[in-house]
Protein backbone atom coordinates (compact mmCIF):
# COMPACT_ATOMS: atom_id res chain seq x y z
CA MET A 1 -1.26 1.69 -44.44
CA LYS A 2 -0.31 5.37 -44.71
CA LEU A 3 -3.63 6.35 -43.07
CA LYS A 4 -2.92 3.98 -40.16
CA ALA A 5 0.55 5.44 -39.70
CA VAL A 6 -0.81 9.00 -39.65
CA SER A 7 -3.52 8.00 -37.16
CA GLY A 8 -0.95 6.32 -34.95
CA ILE A 9 1.26 9.42 -34.98
CA MET A 10 -1.68 11.66 -34.09
CA LEU A 11 -2.63 9.38 -31.19
CA THR A 12 0.97 9.38 -30.02
CA LEU A 13 1.16 13.18 -30.02
CA LEU A 14 -2.18 13.36 -28.20
CA PHE A 15 -0.92 10.84 -25.62
CA ILE A 16 2.24 12.89 -25.01
CA GLY A 17 0.20 16.09 -24.74
CA VAL A 18 -2.13 14.59 -22.14
CA LEU A 19 0.81 13.33 -20.10
CA SER A 20 2.48 16.71 -20.32
CA LEU A 21 -0.60 18.52 -19.03
CA ALA A 22 -1.40 15.99 -16.32
CA PHE A 23 2.07 15.50 -14.90
CA ASP A 24 4.00 18.62 -15.95
CA ILE A 25 6.45 16.63 -18.07
CA GLN A 26 9.22 18.91 -19.29
CA LEU A 27 9.71 18.19 -22.98
CA ALA A 28 12.34 19.78 -25.17
CA SER A 29 11.63 23.27 -26.42
CA SER A 30 13.01 22.73 -29.94
CA GLU A 31 10.77 22.24 -32.98
CA PRO A 32 9.08 18.83 -32.55
CA THR A 33 9.75 16.09 -35.10
CA THR A 34 8.26 12.61 -35.34
CA VAL A 35 10.25 9.62 -36.58
CA ILE A 36 8.68 6.21 -37.16
CA VAL A 37 10.33 2.84 -36.54
CA PRO A 38 10.66 0.77 -38.70
CA ASP A 39 9.44 3.07 -41.52
CA ASP A 40 12.20 5.67 -41.19
CA TYR A 41 14.77 3.53 -39.35
CA GLU A 42 14.72 -0.24 -39.02
CA ARG A 43 16.10 -0.24 -35.47
CA ILE A 44 15.16 1.88 -32.47
CA GLN A 45 18.81 2.67 -31.71
CA TRP A 46 19.39 3.95 -35.24
CA ALA A 47 16.41 6.28 -34.86
CA ILE A 48 17.79 7.61 -31.55
CA ASN A 49 21.28 8.08 -33.00
CA ASN A 50 19.92 10.21 -35.81
CA ALA A 51 17.30 12.11 -33.79
CA SER A 52 17.60 15.73 -32.76
CA VAL A 53 16.65 16.95 -29.29
CA GLY A 54 12.87 17.04 -28.89
CA THR A 55 12.13 14.28 -31.42
CA THR A 56 9.28 11.85 -30.82
CA ILE A 57 10.24 8.33 -31.90
CA PHE A 58 7.08 6.33 -32.55
CA VAL A 59 7.71 2.59 -32.61
CA LYS A 60 5.21 0.41 -34.42
CA ALA A 61 4.05 -2.92 -33.02
CA GLY A 62 6.63 -5.68 -33.24
CA THR A 63 9.43 -7.27 -31.24
CA TYR A 64 12.75 -5.41 -31.33
CA TYR A 65 15.74 -7.37 -30.03
CA GLU A 66 17.89 -4.47 -28.90
CA ASN A 67 19.76 -2.94 -25.98
CA VAL A 68 18.82 0.71 -26.34
CA VAL A 69 20.76 3.75 -25.08
CA VAL A 70 18.80 7.02 -24.85
CA ASP A 71 21.45 9.73 -24.67
CA LYS A 72 19.39 12.80 -25.56
CA THR A 73 16.08 14.43 -24.68
CA ILE A 74 13.48 12.58 -26.76
CA SER A 75 10.09 10.89 -26.40
CA LEU A 76 10.17 7.14 -27.11
CA VAL A 77 6.61 5.86 -27.48
CA GLY A 78 5.32 2.45 -28.54
CA GLU A 79 2.20 1.82 -30.57
CA ASN A 80 0.75 -0.62 -28.04
CA ILE A 81 1.96 -1.71 -24.60
CA THR A 82 1.25 -5.39 -25.33
CA THR A 83 2.46 -5.71 -28.91
CA THR A 84 5.38 -3.27 -28.99
CA VAL A 85 8.23 -5.17 -27.33
CA ILE A 86 11.85 -4.23 -26.65
CA ASP A 87 13.61 -7.48 -25.79
CA GLY A 88 17.13 -7.45 -24.34
CA ASN A 89 17.34 -11.11 -25.36
CA ARG A 90 19.70 -11.84 -22.43
CA THR A 91 22.57 -12.08 -24.89
CA ALA A 92 24.56 -9.09 -23.57
CA LEU A 93 25.38 -7.84 -20.07
CA LYS A 94 23.43 -4.67 -20.72
CA ASP A 95 20.22 -2.94 -19.69
CA THR A 96 17.34 -3.28 -22.12
CA ILE A 97 17.00 0.54 -22.03
CA LEU A 98 19.71 2.78 -20.54
CA VAL A 99 18.81 6.46 -20.14
CA THR A 100 21.77 8.84 -19.82
CA SER A 101 19.92 12.11 -20.50
CA GLY A 102 17.19 14.10 -18.77
CA ASN A 103 13.62 15.01 -19.74
CA VAL A 104 13.11 11.68 -21.54
CA LEU A 105 9.67 10.05 -21.92
CA ILE A 106 9.37 6.26 -22.37
CA ALA A 107 5.82 4.95 -22.74
CA ASN A 108 3.69 2.12 -24.13
CA PHE A 109 6.22 -0.72 -24.36
CA THR A 110 6.76 -4.20 -23.05
CA ILE A 111 10.38 -4.15 -21.87
CA ARG A 112 11.87 -7.52 -21.02
CA ASN A 113 14.75 -9.98 -20.80
CA SER A 114 17.73 -8.04 -19.50
CA TYR A 115 20.51 -9.51 -17.39
CA TYR A 116 20.56 -6.11 -15.69
CA SER A 117 17.68 -3.62 -15.79
CA GLY A 118 14.59 -3.33 -17.93
CA ILE A 119 15.09 0.45 -17.68
CA LYS A 120 17.97 2.18 -15.95
CA LEU A 121 18.04 5.93 -15.31
CA ASP A 122 21.75 6.53 -15.08
CA PHE A 123 23.85 8.82 -12.87
CA TYR A 124 22.48 12.33 -12.34
CA THR A 125 19.70 12.12 -14.92
CA SER A 126 16.50 13.87 -13.90
CA TYR A 127 12.97 14.83 -14.93
CA ASN A 128 12.42 11.61 -16.86
CA THR A 129 9.00 9.96 -17.13
CA ILE A 130 8.45 6.20 -17.40
CA ALA A 131 4.74 5.63 -18.03
CA ASN A 132 2.38 2.83 -19.02
CA ASN A 133 4.95 0.11 -19.69
CA ASN A 134 4.99 -3.60 -18.96
CA ILE A 135 8.44 -4.29 -17.46
CA THR A 136 8.99 -7.98 -16.92
CA ASN A 137 11.50 -10.83 -16.72
CA ASN A 138 14.59 -8.73 -16.09
CA ASP A 139 17.02 -8.96 -13.20
CA ASP A 140 15.72 -5.56 -12.02
CA GLY A 141 12.66 -3.84 -13.43
CA ILE A 142 13.54 -0.14 -13.10
CA VAL A 143 16.78 1.16 -11.59
CA LEU A 144 17.28 4.80 -10.56
CA GLN A 145 21.01 5.37 -10.01
CA ASP A 146 21.49 8.73 -8.25
CA SER A 147 18.64 9.99 -10.42
CA SER A 148 16.22 12.62 -9.13
CA LYS A 149 12.88 14.28 -9.88
CA ASN A 150 11.65 11.40 -12.08
CA LYS A 151 8.09 10.13 -12.48
CA ILE A 152 7.35 6.39 -12.60
CA LEU A 153 3.68 6.21 -13.55
CA TYR A 154 1.14 3.42 -14.17
CA ASN A 155 3.55 0.68 -15.18
CA ASN A 156 3.15 -3.05 -14.65
CA ILE A 157 6.42 -4.19 -13.07
CA GLU A 158 6.22 -7.95 -12.73
CA ASN A 159 8.26 -11.15 -12.47
CA ASN A 160 11.67 -9.51 -12.23
CA THR A 161 14.30 -11.67 -10.54
CA TRP A 162 15.45 -9.20 -7.89
CA ASN A 163 13.82 -5.78 -7.62
CA GLY A 164 10.73 -4.29 -9.17
CA ILE A 165 12.16 -0.80 -8.57
CA PHE A 166 15.72 -0.33 -7.26
CA LEU A 167 16.52 3.13 -5.90
CA ILE A 168 20.28 3.53 -5.46
CA ASN A 169 21.29 6.84 -3.92
CA ASN A 170 24.84 7.73 -3.01
CA GLU A 171 24.52 11.52 -3.18
CA GLY A 172 22.23 14.32 -4.28
CA GLU A 173 18.54 15.03 -3.82
CA TRP A 174 15.88 12.65 -5.09
CA GLY A 175 12.25 13.65 -5.01
CA ASN A 176 11.11 10.85 -7.33
CA GLU A 177 7.38 10.06 -7.67
CA VAL A 178 6.21 6.45 -8.01
CA ILE A 179 2.47 6.50 -8.66
CA GLY A 180 -0.16 4.03 -9.86
CA ASN A 181 2.13 1.10 -10.64
CA THR A 182 1.38 -2.60 -10.21
CA ILE A 183 4.48 -4.13 -8.61
CA LYS A 184 3.98 -7.87 -8.56
CA ASN A 185 5.85 -11.16 -8.10
CA ASN A 186 9.32 -9.65 -7.77
CA TYR A 187 11.77 -10.65 -5.05
CA ASN A 188 11.71 -7.09 -3.68
CA GLY A 189 8.90 -4.83 -4.75
CA ILE A 190 10.94 -1.72 -3.96
CA ASN A 191 14.54 -1.74 -2.76
CA SER A 192 15.73 1.61 -1.41
CA TYR A 193 19.51 1.68 -0.99
CA ASP A 194 20.20 5.09 0.52
CA ILE A 195 23.50 6.46 1.69
CA ASP A 196 22.89 10.19 1.38
CA ARG A 197 19.95 12.18 0.08
CA VAL A 198 18.09 15.40 0.66
CA GLU A 199 14.51 14.98 -0.48
CA ALA A 200 11.95 12.23 0.15
CA ASN A 201 10.48 10.03 -2.57
CA THR A 202 6.70 9.77 -2.91
CA PHE A 203 4.80 6.51 -3.37
CA PHE A 204 1.02 6.23 -3.67
CA HIS A 205 -1.72 4.38 -5.57
CA ASN A 206 0.68 1.50 -6.23
CA SER A 207 -0.39 -2.12 -5.83
CA PHE A 208 2.22 -4.30 -4.12
CA ILE A 209 1.18 -7.89 -4.86
CA ASN A 210 2.95 -11.07 -3.77
CA ASN A 211 6.49 -9.74 -3.75
CA LYS A 212 8.70 -11.79 -1.43
CA ARG A 213 9.53 -8.51 0.33
CA GLN A 214 7.23 -5.64 -0.54
CA VAL A 215 9.63 -2.83 0.44
CA ILE A 216 13.10 -2.92 1.93
CA TYR A 217 15.35 -0.12 3.18
CA TYR A 218 19.01 -1.08 3.42
CA TYR A 219 19.87 2.00 5.49
CA SER A 220 17.48 3.03 8.24
CA GLY A 221 16.67 6.60 9.10
CA TYR A 222 15.22 7.79 5.80
CA GLN A 223 11.57 8.72 5.60
CA ASP A 224 9.52 8.71 2.40
CA ILE A 225 5.91 9.68 1.67
CA TRP A 226 3.61 6.66 1.33
CA HIS A 227 0.17 8.16 0.72
CA ASN A 228 -1.58 11.06 -0.97
CA GLY A 229 -3.63 12.10 2.04
CA TYR A 230 -7.19 11.30 2.91
CA LEU A 231 -9.36 10.41 0.92
CA SER A 232 -7.02 9.81 -2.02
CA GLY A 233 -5.23 7.12 -0.03
CA GLY A 234 -1.96 5.26 -0.13
CA ASN A 235 -1.08 1.90 -1.67
CA TYR A 236 -2.55 -1.60 -1.82
CA TRP A 237 -0.57 -4.29 0.01
CA SER A 238 -1.41 -7.95 -0.65
CA ASP A 239 0.08 -8.97 2.73
CA HIS A 240 -2.10 -6.52 4.67
CA ASN A 241 -5.69 -7.34 5.51
CA PRO A 242 -7.08 -4.49 7.61
CA PRO A 243 -10.77 -4.09 8.45
CA ASP A 244 -12.70 -1.28 6.80
CA ILE A 245 -15.29 -0.26 9.34
CA TYR A 246 -14.35 3.36 9.89
CA SER A 247 -13.64 6.43 7.79
CA GLY A 248 -12.17 9.89 8.19
CA SER A 249 -8.63 11.21 8.31
CA HIS A 250 -8.10 9.46 11.66
CA GLN A 251 -10.20 6.41 10.69
CA ASN A 252 -12.45 6.96 13.70
CA GLU A 253 -15.74 7.88 12.02
CA THR A 254 -18.44 5.33 11.27
CA GLY A 255 -18.66 4.19 7.65
CA ARG A 256 -16.52 2.36 5.11
CA ASP A 257 -14.25 4.34 2.79
CA LYS A 258 -12.18 1.60 1.02
CA ILE A 259 -9.20 2.59 3.17
CA GLY A 260 -7.94 0.17 5.79
CA ASP A 261 -8.48 1.15 9.41
CA ILE A 262 -5.00 -0.13 10.36
CA PRO A 263 -1.92 1.55 8.80
CA TYR A 264 0.67 -0.54 6.96
CA VAL A 265 4.02 -0.32 8.74
CA ILE A 266 7.03 -0.61 6.43
CA ASP A 267 9.73 0.11 8.99
CA GLY A 268 10.34 2.37 11.97
CA ASN A 269 10.39 5.49 9.78
CA ASN A 270 7.92 4.64 7.03
CA THR A 271 4.20 3.95 7.28
CA ASP A 272 1.34 3.94 4.80
CA SER A 273 -1.33 5.61 6.93
CA TYR A 274 -4.12 5.06 4.39
CA PRO A 275 -3.64 1.58 2.86
CA LEU A 276 -6.12 0.73 0.11
CA ILE A 277 -8.55 -2.16 0.52
CA TYR A 278 -8.52 -2.89 -3.23
CA PRO A 279 -5.72 -2.82 -5.81
CA TYR A 280 -5.62 0.68 -7.25
CA GLY A 281 -7.70 1.04 -10.40
CA CYS A 282 -9.19 -2.43 -9.94
CA ILE A 283 -12.09 -2.78 -12.38
CA PRO A 284 -14.70 -5.13 -10.91
CA SER A 285 -14.82 -8.35 -12.92
CA ALA A 286 -16.12 -11.84 -12.31
CA ASP A 287 -12.94 -13.30 -13.82
CA LEU A 288 -11.46 -13.56 -10.35
CA ASN A 289 -8.33 -15.54 -11.27
CA ASP A 290 -7.56 -13.48 -14.40
CA ASP A 291 -7.40 -16.49 -16.72
CA GLY A 292 -9.57 -14.87 -19.39
CA ILE A 293 -12.86 -16.65 -18.75
CA VAL A 294 -15.52 -16.68 -16.03
CA ASN A 295 -15.93 -20.33 -15.05
CA ILE A 296 -16.16 -22.79 -12.17
CA LEU A 297 -12.71 -21.79 -10.87
CA ASP A 298 -13.97 -18.26 -10.27
CA ALA A 299 -17.11 -19.61 -8.60
CA ILE A 300 -14.98 -21.71 -6.23
CA ARG A 301 -12.84 -18.69 -5.34
CA LEU A 302 -15.96 -16.66 -4.58
CA MET A 303 -17.40 -19.50 -2.52
CA ASN A 304 -14.23 -19.69 -0.42
CA ALA A 305 -14.56 -15.99 0.41
CA PHE A 306 -18.35 -15.95 0.80
CA GLY A 307 -19.44 -13.92 3.82
CA SER A 308 -16.04 -12.30 4.35
CA GLU A 309 -15.34 -8.63 4.95
CA PRO A 310 -12.06 -6.65 5.04
CA GLY A 311 -10.05 -7.79 8.04
CA ASP A 312 -11.47 -11.33 8.17
CA VAL A 313 -9.04 -14.20 8.37
CA CYS A 314 -9.77 -17.78 7.38
CA MET A 315 -12.37 -19.07 7.34
CA PRO A 316 -13.72 -17.42 5.29
CA CYS A 317 -10.77 -15.36 4.10
CA TRP A 318 -11.27 -11.84 2.82
CA ASP A 319 -10.56 -11.74 -0.90
CA PRO A 320 -10.89 -8.26 -2.48
CA LYS A 321 -11.23 -9.77 -5.97
CA ALA A 322 -14.29 -11.75 -4.86
CA ASP A 323 -16.00 -8.57 -3.72
CA ILE A 324 -16.99 -7.88 -7.32
CA ASN A 325 -19.27 -4.92 -6.58
CA GLN A 326 -16.83 -3.49 -4.02
CA ASP A 327 -19.39 -2.95 -1.29
CA GLY A 328 -17.15 -4.35 1.45
CA ILE A 329 -18.62 -7.85 1.75
CA VAL A 330 -18.60 -10.99 -0.40
CA ASN A 331 -22.25 -12.01 -0.59
CA ILE A 332 -25.13 -13.05 -2.83
CA LEU A 333 -24.87 -9.83 -4.86
CA ASP A 334 -21.38 -10.82 -5.98
CA ALA A 335 -22.60 -14.35 -6.76
CA ILE A 336 -25.38 -12.93 -8.93
CA ILE A 337 -22.87 -10.84 -10.90
CA LEU A 338 -20.66 -13.90 -11.41
CA ALA A 339 -23.60 -16.03 -12.53
CA GLY A 340 -24.58 -13.35 -15.04
CA GLN A 341 -21.09 -13.41 -16.56
CA PHE A 342 -20.55 -17.18 -16.38
CA GLY A 343 -18.93 -18.51 -19.54
CA GLU A 344 -17.98 -15.06 -20.81
CA LYS A 345 -14.45 -14.14 -21.81
CA GLY A 346 -12.72 -11.98 -19.19
């Protein structure tokens, strides 16, 4: 058991180091310390209360029924995104995690069941990083309240009652970066409630899937950045089905590039000029309906899309999941891959 704990701590420190190098996360400059929950403290909040600035709190797998307040610069890291759960339990009118300090890292958790927010970055906090979490079944997934220069990276933000990400800005500059997230089955994918701000937010490589409203701006006139240039691209939009015939920065050169030829218009001031044909980071798999097994249901879905290309409307309908080899057409090659995986666990 002690060997496992040491290995987990080493992996945690490596994870934090990689994030720091890749995304320029500003961690505390004091001597680093690692505290383990529940070994050192039974509850996450107790560990935070007793932590010094710069501490890494490593939380072992388990379900922790807490409403956590992070009021100092620390790194809060779970052992495993699926099995390390912070559950607000919907018993208190509180956020599951409330951050009131800057330079905080929260990573590798499932964060769920808040009447308010899964994670809230409170007034005037900045330079926080929320990475690789599953944030689900809250009223709002992530709320940024007058909070600037934060990074929201590679989270799954799904099945929240109102907003996947709620950006509330009454004053001050923002400059938040929202990159690589799956934002799915929320009422609003992103809700931007701007009254006054200086700097644009940046959104790219996110997958907006089946939100009732993908993005909404309550005050017009603000312009954000919705792509990372060509050929890196913008975001995937499940309600956008552009053809992919052309390539190039103006999409006027012959040849597919997995970027839609028609921009995705959000409103009069915001456009994703390079919408992605496939969900970002989509790993080709024959388990088309994500139920954990390749079976007749996947074969039926492929059959319904057979012969389709990006931009096609029914019938057949373009289905990016059915294009298993991602060559821009659902055809016999995809059927062969599915047949080869038939009966296998997804």
